[in-house]
N, C-alpha and C. Protein backbone atom coordinates (compact mmCIF):
# COMPACT_ATOMS: atom_id res chain seq x y z
N MET A 1 -27.06 40.05 1.62
CA MET A 1 -27.43 38.69 1.31
C MET A 1 -27.84 37.98 2.59
N SER A 2 -28.88 37.19 2.47
CA SER A 2 -29.34 36.46 3.66
C SER A 2 -28.42 35.27 3.93
N GLN A 3 -28.57 34.72 5.11
CA GLN A 3 -27.73 33.60 5.51
C GLN A 3 -28.00 32.38 4.62
N VAL A 4 -29.25 32.20 4.21
CA VAL A 4 -29.60 31.08 3.33
C VAL A 4 -28.87 31.22 1.99
N ASP A 5 -28.86 32.43 1.44
CA ASP A 5 -28.18 32.66 0.17
C ASP A 5 -26.68 32.43 0.28
N VAL A 6 -26.11 32.84 1.39
CA VAL A 6 -24.68 32.63 1.60
C VAL A 6 -24.37 31.14 1.66
N LEU A 7 -25.18 30.38 2.37
CA LEU A 7 -24.97 28.93 2.45
C LEU A 7 -25.14 28.26 1.09
N LYS A 8 -26.12 28.72 0.32
CA LYS A 8 -26.32 28.16 -1.02
C LYS A 8 -25.10 28.43 -1.91
N GLU A 9 -24.55 29.62 -1.83
CA GLU A 9 -23.36 29.95 -2.62
C GLU A 9 -22.16 29.12 -2.17
N LYS A 10 -22.05 28.91 -0.87
CA LYS A 10 -20.94 28.10 -0.34
C LYS A 10 -21.06 26.67 -0.84
N ILE A 11 -22.27 26.13 -0.84
CA ILE A 11 -22.50 24.78 -1.32
C ILE A 11 -22.18 24.68 -2.81
N ALA A 12 -22.60 25.68 -3.57
CA ALA A 12 -22.31 25.68 -5.01
C ALA A 12 -20.80 25.72 -5.26
N TYR A 13 -20.08 26.50 -4.48
CA TYR A 13 -18.62 26.59 -4.63
C TYR A 13 -17.97 25.25 -4.28
N LEU A 14 -18.43 24.61 -3.21
CA LEU A 14 -17.89 23.31 -2.82
C LEU A 14 -18.19 22.26 -3.90
N LYS A 15 -19.37 22.33 -4.49
CA LYS A 15 -19.73 21.39 -5.56
C LYS A 15 -18.84 21.59 -6.79
N LEU A 16 -18.47 22.82 -7.06
CA LEU A 16 -17.55 23.08 -8.17
C LEU A 16 -16.23 22.34 -7.93
N TRP A 17 -15.68 22.48 -6.74
CA TRP A 17 -14.41 21.82 -6.44
C TRP A 17 -14.56 20.31 -6.39
N LEU A 18 -15.72 19.83 -5.96
CA LEU A 18 -15.96 18.39 -5.98
C LEU A 18 -15.92 17.87 -7.41
N GLY A 19 -16.55 18.59 -8.31
CA GLY A 19 -16.53 18.20 -9.72
C GLY A 19 -15.14 18.19 -10.29
N ILE A 20 -14.35 19.21 -9.97
CA ILE A 20 -12.97 19.27 -10.45
C ILE A 20 -12.17 18.09 -9.92
N MET A 21 -12.38 17.75 -8.67
CA MET A 21 -11.65 16.61 -8.09
C MET A 21 -12.07 15.30 -8.72
N VAL A 22 -13.35 15.13 -9.00
CA VAL A 22 -13.83 13.90 -9.63
C VAL A 22 -13.23 13.75 -11.04
N VAL A 23 -13.25 14.82 -11.81
CA VAL A 23 -12.67 14.77 -13.16
C VAL A 23 -11.17 14.46 -13.09
N THR A 24 -10.48 15.06 -12.16
CA THR A 24 -9.04 14.79 -12.01
C THR A 24 -8.81 13.33 -11.64
N ASP A 25 -9.62 12.81 -10.74
CA ASP A 25 -9.49 11.42 -10.32
C ASP A 25 -9.73 10.47 -11.49
N ILE A 26 -10.78 10.73 -12.25
CA ILE A 26 -11.08 9.90 -13.43
C ILE A 26 -9.94 9.96 -14.44
N SER A 27 -9.39 11.14 -14.64
CA SER A 27 -8.27 11.30 -15.58
C SER A 27 -7.05 10.51 -15.12
N LEU A 28 -6.76 10.56 -13.85
CA LEU A 28 -5.60 9.83 -13.33
C LEU A 28 -5.79 8.32 -13.46
N VAL A 29 -7.00 7.84 -13.19
CA VAL A 29 -7.28 6.41 -13.34
C VAL A 29 -7.17 6.02 -14.81
N GLY A 30 -7.69 6.86 -15.69
CA GLY A 30 -7.58 6.58 -17.13
C GLY A 30 -6.13 6.53 -17.59
N TRP A 31 -5.32 7.46 -17.10
CA TRP A 31 -3.90 7.45 -17.46
C TRP A 31 -3.25 6.16 -16.97
N LEU A 32 -3.58 5.77 -15.75
CA LEU A 32 -3.00 4.55 -15.20
C LEU A 32 -3.38 3.33 -16.02
N LEU A 33 -4.64 3.22 -16.40
CA LEU A 33 -5.09 2.08 -17.19
C LEU A 33 -4.45 2.06 -18.58
N GLY A 34 -4.21 3.23 -19.13
CA GLY A 34 -3.64 3.29 -20.46
C GLY A 34 -2.13 3.15 -20.50
N ASN A 35 -1.45 3.40 -19.40
CA ASN A 35 0.01 3.45 -19.41
C ASN A 35 0.71 2.53 -18.42
N TYR A 36 -0.03 1.65 -17.77
CA TYR A 36 0.61 0.84 -16.73
C TYR A 36 1.70 -0.06 -17.29
N ALA A 37 1.59 -0.46 -18.54
CA ALA A 37 2.57 -1.39 -19.12
C ALA A 37 3.86 -0.70 -19.55
N VAL A 38 3.78 0.58 -19.86
CA VAL A 38 4.96 1.26 -20.41
C VAL A 38 5.53 2.34 -19.48
N ALA A 39 4.82 2.69 -18.45
CA ALA A 39 5.24 3.80 -17.59
C ALA A 39 6.30 3.34 -16.58
N ASN A 40 7.09 4.29 -16.16
CA ASN A 40 8.09 4.09 -15.13
C ASN A 40 7.37 3.73 -13.82
N ARG A 41 7.99 2.87 -13.03
CA ARG A 41 7.37 2.43 -11.77
C ARG A 41 7.09 3.60 -10.84
N ALA A 42 7.98 4.58 -10.82
CA ALA A 42 7.78 5.75 -9.95
C ALA A 42 6.53 6.53 -10.37
N LEU A 43 6.30 6.64 -11.66
CA LEU A 43 5.10 7.32 -12.14
C LEU A 43 3.83 6.56 -11.76
N ILE A 44 3.90 5.25 -11.85
CA ILE A 44 2.74 4.43 -11.49
C ILE A 44 2.43 4.57 -10.01
N VAL A 45 3.46 4.50 -9.18
CA VAL A 45 3.27 4.64 -7.73
C VAL A 45 2.76 6.04 -7.41
N GLY A 46 3.33 7.05 -8.04
CA GLY A 46 2.86 8.42 -7.82
C GLY A 46 1.42 8.62 -8.24
N ASP A 47 1.06 8.02 -9.38
CA ASP A 47 -0.31 8.12 -9.86
C ASP A 47 -1.27 7.43 -8.89
N MET A 48 -0.90 6.25 -8.42
CA MET A 48 -1.75 5.54 -7.48
C MET A 48 -1.91 6.32 -6.18
N ALA A 49 -0.82 6.92 -5.71
CA ALA A 49 -0.90 7.74 -4.50
C ALA A 49 -1.80 8.93 -4.72
N ALA A 50 -1.68 9.58 -5.88
CA ALA A 50 -2.54 10.73 -6.19
C ALA A 50 -4.00 10.32 -6.26
N VAL A 51 -4.28 9.16 -6.85
CA VAL A 51 -5.66 8.67 -6.92
C VAL A 51 -6.21 8.45 -5.52
N LEU A 52 -5.43 7.84 -4.66
CA LEU A 52 -5.89 7.58 -3.29
C LEU A 52 -6.12 8.89 -2.52
N ILE A 53 -5.20 9.82 -2.65
CA ILE A 53 -5.34 11.09 -1.93
C ILE A 53 -6.54 11.88 -2.45
N ILE A 54 -6.68 11.96 -3.76
CA ILE A 54 -7.81 12.72 -4.32
C ILE A 54 -9.13 12.03 -4.01
N SER A 55 -9.15 10.69 -4.04
CA SER A 55 -10.38 9.97 -3.69
C SER A 55 -10.78 10.23 -2.24
N PHE A 56 -9.80 10.26 -1.35
CA PHE A 56 -10.08 10.59 0.04
C PHE A 56 -10.59 12.03 0.15
N GLY A 57 -9.97 12.94 -0.60
CA GLY A 57 -10.43 14.32 -0.62
C GLY A 57 -11.86 14.45 -1.12
N ILE A 58 -12.22 13.65 -2.11
CA ILE A 58 -13.60 13.65 -2.63
C ILE A 58 -14.55 13.22 -1.52
N TYR A 59 -14.19 12.18 -0.79
CA TYR A 59 -15.03 11.71 0.31
C TYR A 59 -15.21 12.79 1.37
N VAL A 60 -14.11 13.42 1.77
CA VAL A 60 -14.16 14.46 2.80
C VAL A 60 -15.00 15.64 2.33
N LEU A 61 -14.81 16.06 1.10
CA LEU A 61 -15.56 17.19 0.56
C LEU A 61 -17.04 16.85 0.44
N HIS A 62 -17.35 15.61 0.06
CA HIS A 62 -18.74 15.18 -0.02
C HIS A 62 -19.41 15.25 1.35
N LYS A 63 -18.71 14.79 2.36
CA LYS A 63 -19.26 14.85 3.73
C LYS A 63 -19.46 16.29 4.17
N ARG A 64 -18.55 17.18 3.79
CA ARG A 64 -18.69 18.60 4.15
C ARG A 64 -19.90 19.21 3.46
N ILE A 65 -20.10 18.86 2.20
CA ILE A 65 -21.28 19.37 1.48
C ILE A 65 -22.56 18.86 2.14
N GLU A 66 -22.58 17.59 2.52
CA GLU A 66 -23.76 17.05 3.21
C GLU A 66 -24.02 17.81 4.51
N LYS A 67 -22.97 18.13 5.24
CA LYS A 67 -23.11 18.87 6.49
C LYS A 67 -23.68 20.27 6.22
N GLU A 68 -23.20 20.92 5.18
CA GLU A 68 -23.71 22.25 4.83
C GLU A 68 -25.18 22.19 4.43
N ILE A 69 -25.56 21.14 3.71
CA ILE A 69 -26.96 20.99 3.31
C ILE A 69 -27.83 20.77 4.54
N GLU A 70 -27.35 19.98 5.48
CA GLU A 70 -28.11 19.76 6.71
C GLU A 70 -28.27 21.05 7.49
N SER A 71 -27.22 21.87 7.53
CA SER A 71 -27.33 23.14 8.25
C SER A 71 -28.28 24.08 7.52
N LEU A 72 -28.41 23.93 6.22
CA LEU A 72 -29.36 24.73 5.44
C LEU A 72 -30.79 24.34 5.79
N LYS A 73 -31.02 23.06 6.08
CA LYS A 73 -32.36 22.60 6.46
C LYS A 73 -32.82 23.23 7.76
N GLU A 74 -31.87 23.51 8.66
CA GLU A 74 -32.20 24.05 9.97
C GLU A 74 -32.62 25.51 9.92
N LEU A 75 -32.32 26.22 8.83
CA LEU A 75 -32.66 27.64 8.75
C LEU A 75 -34.08 27.87 8.33
């Protein structure tokens, strides 16, 4: 496999995980909006922490994908 093909596969794999993280983040926000009135405070705090951590992970992964795409342009 050429280096270009390897980079394309790496980008596709990173995009898969980005999608999984986005869906997880949306699900956690949806749970929070639907259960904030009845949920235990610890669950709400944990959910908010998870949303923040996953959102930061989405940002980091997005930047990594952009970097990989830029390196693909150089080939």
